[in-house]
Amino acid sequence: MKSKRHTPEQVITKIAEGDQMLNEGKTIAEVARSFGITETTWYRWKSTYGGMKANDAKRLKELEAENRRLKIMVADLTLDKAMLKELAEGNF
């Protein structure tokens, strides 16, 4: 079975629909089955995207991309620093 990746916007929409279904009296197993996901995925989605709106998810995605870019920059600068330190000591 091929797994499908859901966008954060889709996940937030499905959480809202699922919460409505839960309020109508359905169980989590029924909600998860209707979306074609496992209960574990439902709980993971709820913990990650629980109270978000669609624009919050977009902002989260932007911040994660910026964080990834900054981590790469820090790693590069740390490597440069280590190389310069070795050169200054004459251990090349």
C-alpha atoms as a PDB file:
ATOM      1  CA  MET A   1       0.000   0.000   0.000  1.00  0.00           C
ATOM      2  CA  LYS A   2       1.481   3.317  -1.058  1.00  0.00           C
ATOM      3  CA  SER A   3       1.568   5.904   1.701  1.00  0.00           C
ATOM      4  CA  LYS A   4       0.276   9.396   1.002  1.00  0.00           C
ATOM      5  CA  ARG A   5       1.918  12.505   2.340  1.00  0.00           C
ATOM      6  CA  HIS A   6      -0.517  15.118   3.561  1.00  0.00           C
ATOM      7  CA  THR A   7       0.287  18.824   3.519  1.00  0.00           C
ATOM      8  CA  PRO A   8      -0.055  20.675   6.820  1.00  0.00           C
ATOM      9  CA  GLU A   9      -3.093  22.486   5.432  1.00  0.00           C
ATOM     10  CA  GLN A  10      -4.756  19.156   4.601  1.00  0.00           C
ATOM     11  CA  VAL A  11      -3.924  17.809   8.061  1.00  0.00           C
ATOM     12  CA  ILE A  12      -5.441  20.856   9.780  1.00  0.00           C
ATOM     13  CA  THR A  13      -8.597  20.516   7.690  1.00  0.00           C
ATOM     14  CA  LYS A  14      -8.863  16.809   8.508  1.00  0.00           C
ATOM     15  CA  ILE A  15      -8.336  17.497  12.220  1.00  0.00           C
ATOM     16  CA  ALA A  16     -11.207  19.993  12.170  1.00  0.00           C
ATOM     17  CA  GLU A  17     -13.444  17.501  10.337  1.00  0.00           C
ATOM     18  CA  GLY A  18     -12.384  14.729  12.701  1.00  0.00           C
ATOM     19  CA  ASP A  19     -13.122  16.818  15.777  1.00  0.00           C
ATOM     20  CA  GLN A  20     -16.580  17.495  14.391  1.00  0.00           C
ATOM     21  CA  MET A  21     -17.083  13.765  13.808  1.00  0.00           C
ATOM     22  CA  LEU A  22     -15.919  13.039  17.361  1.00  0.00           C
ATOM     23  CA  ASN A  23     -18.414  15.572  18.718  1.00  0.00           C
ATOM     24  CA  GLU A  24     -21.137  13.733  16.791  1.00  0.00           C
ATOM     25  CA  GLY A  25     -20.292  10.590  18.746  1.00  0.00           C
ATOM     26  CA  LYS A  26     -17.965   8.664  16.455  1.00  0.00           C
ATOM     27  CA  THR A  27     -14.906   6.933  17.863  1.00  0.00           C
ATOM     28  CA  ILE A  28     -11.326   7.787  17.002  1.00  0.00           C
ATOM     29  CA  ALA A  29     -11.009   4.473  15.174  1.00  0.00           C
ATOM     30  CA  GLU A  30     -13.950   5.399  12.930  1.00  0.00           C
ATOM     31  CA  VAL A  31     -12.555   8.861  12.282  1.00  0.00           C
ATOM     32  CA  ALA A  32      -9.122   7.504  11.417  1.00  0.00           C
ATOM     33  CA  ARG A  33     -10.625   4.865   9.141  1.00  0.00           C
ATOM     34  CA  SER A  34     -12.687   7.486   7.303  1.00  0.00           C
ATOM     35  CA  PHE A  35      -9.491   9.444   6.542  1.00  0.00           C
ATOM     36  CA  GLY A  36      -7.519   6.328   5.646  1.00  0.00           C
ATOM     37  CA  ILE A  37      -4.976   6.769   8.451  1.00  0.00           C
ATOM     38  CA  THR A  38      -4.052   4.930  11.617  1.00  0.00           C
ATOM     39  CA  GLU A  39      -5.023   6.010  15.114  1.00  0.00           C
ATOM     40  CA  THR A  40      -1.339   6.664  15.810  1.00  0.00           C
ATOM     41  CA  THR A  41      -1.210   9.084  12.895  1.00  0.00           C
ATOM     42  CA  TRP A  42      -4.326  10.812  14.205  1.00  0.00           C
ATOM     43  CA  TYR A  43      -2.750  11.339  17.645  1.00  0.00           C
ATOM     44  CA  ARG A  44       0.526  12.526  16.067  1.00  0.00           C
ATOM     45  CA  TRP A  45      -1.376  15.028  13.913  1.00  0.00           C
ATOM     46  CA  LYS A  46      -3.311  16.259  16.939  1.00  0.00           C
ATOM     47  CA  SER A  47      -0.147  16.793  18.963  1.00  0.00           C
ATOM     48  CA  THR A  48       1.636  18.561  16.104  1.00  0.00           C
ATOM     49  CA  TYR A  49      -1.153  20.594  14.509  1.00  0.00           C
ATOM     50  CA  GLY A  50      -3.771  20.586  17.280  1.00  0.00           C
ATOM     51  CA  GLY A  51      -4.861  24.213  17.630  1.00  0.00           C
ATOM     52  CA  MET A  52      -3.461  25.610  14.405  1.00  0.00           C
ATOM     53  CA  LYS A  53      -5.107  27.420  11.549  1.00  0.00           C
ATOM     54  CA  ALA A  54      -3.957  27.017   7.931  1.00  0.00           C
ATOM     55  CA  ASN A  55      -1.852  30.198   7.984  1.00  0.00           C
ATOM     56  CA  ASP A  56      -0.171  29.029  11.214  1.00  0.00           C
ATOM     57  CA  ALA A  57       0.914  25.852   9.435  1.00  0.00           C
ATOM     58  CA  LYS A  58       2.355  27.869   6.565  1.00  0.00           C
ATOM     59  CA  ARG A  59       4.318  30.011   9.042  1.00  0.00           C
ATOM     60  CA  LEU A  60       5.543  26.864  10.838  1.00  0.00           C
ATOM     61  CA  LYS A  61       6.798  25.465   7.530  1.00  0.00           C
ATOM     62  CA  GLU A  62       8.644  28.732   6.793  1.00  0.00           C
ATOM     63  CA  LEU A  63      10.234  28.751  10.247  1.00  0.00           C
ATOM     64  CA  GLU A  64      11.343  25.137   9.910  1.00  0.00           C
ATOM     65  CA  ALA A  65      12.976  25.931   6.552  1.00  0.00           C
ATOM     66  CA  GLU A  66      14.737  28.944   8.056  1.00  0.00           C
ATOM     67  CA  ASN A  67      15.886  26.869  11.030  1.00  0.00           C
ATOM     68  CA  ARG A  68      17.292  24.208   8.699  1.00  0.00           C
ATOM     69  CA  ARG A  69      19.151  26.876   6.703  1.00  0.00           C
ATOM     70  CA  LEU A  70      20.594  28.439   9.872  1.00  0.00           C
ATOM     71  CA  LYS A  71      21.759  25.042  11.181  1.00  0.00           C
ATOM     72  CA  ILE A  72      23.655  24.478   7.936  1.00  0.00           C
ATOM     73  CA  MET A  73      25.251  27.918   8.252  1.00  0.00           C
ATOM     74  CA  VAL A  74      26.354  27.207  11.831  1.00  0.00           C
ATOM     75  CA  ALA A  75      27.840  23.865  10.796  1.00  0.00           C
ATOM     76  CA  ASP A  76      29.780  25.515   7.953  1.00  0.00           C
ATOM     77  CA  LEU A  77      31.083  28.277  10.230  1.00  0.00           C
ATOM     78  CA  THR A  78      32.124  25.759  12.877  1.00  0.00           C
ATOM     79  CA  LEU A  79      34.053  23.798  10.255  1.00  0.00           C
ATOM     80  CA  ASP A  80      35.716  26.988   8.982  1.00  0.00           C
ATOM     81  CA  LYS A  81      36.681  27.914  12.529  1.00  0.00           C
ATOM     82  CA  ALA A  82      38.228  24.493  13.145  1.00  0.00           C
ATOM     83  CA  MET A  83      40.218  24.701   9.883  1.00  0.00           C
ATOM     84  CA  LEU A  84      41.511  28.191  10.720  1.00  0.00           C
ATOM     85  CA  LYS A  85      42.473  27.072  14.210  1.00  0.00           C
ATOM     86  CA  GLU A  86      44.505  24.182  12.761  1.00  0.00           C
ATOM     87  CA  LEU A  87      46.216  26.494  10.285  1.00  0.00           C
ATOM     88  CA  ALA A  88      47.086  28.965  13.040  1.00  0.00           C
ATOM     89  CA  GLU A  89      48.684  26.186  15.090  1.00  0.00           C
ATOM     90  CA  GLY A  90      50.667  24.994  12.084  1.00  0.00           C
ATOM     91  CA  ASN A  91      49.270  21.451  12.109  1.00  0.00           C
ATOM     92  CA  PHE A  92      48.635  21.085   8.416  1.00  0.00           C
END
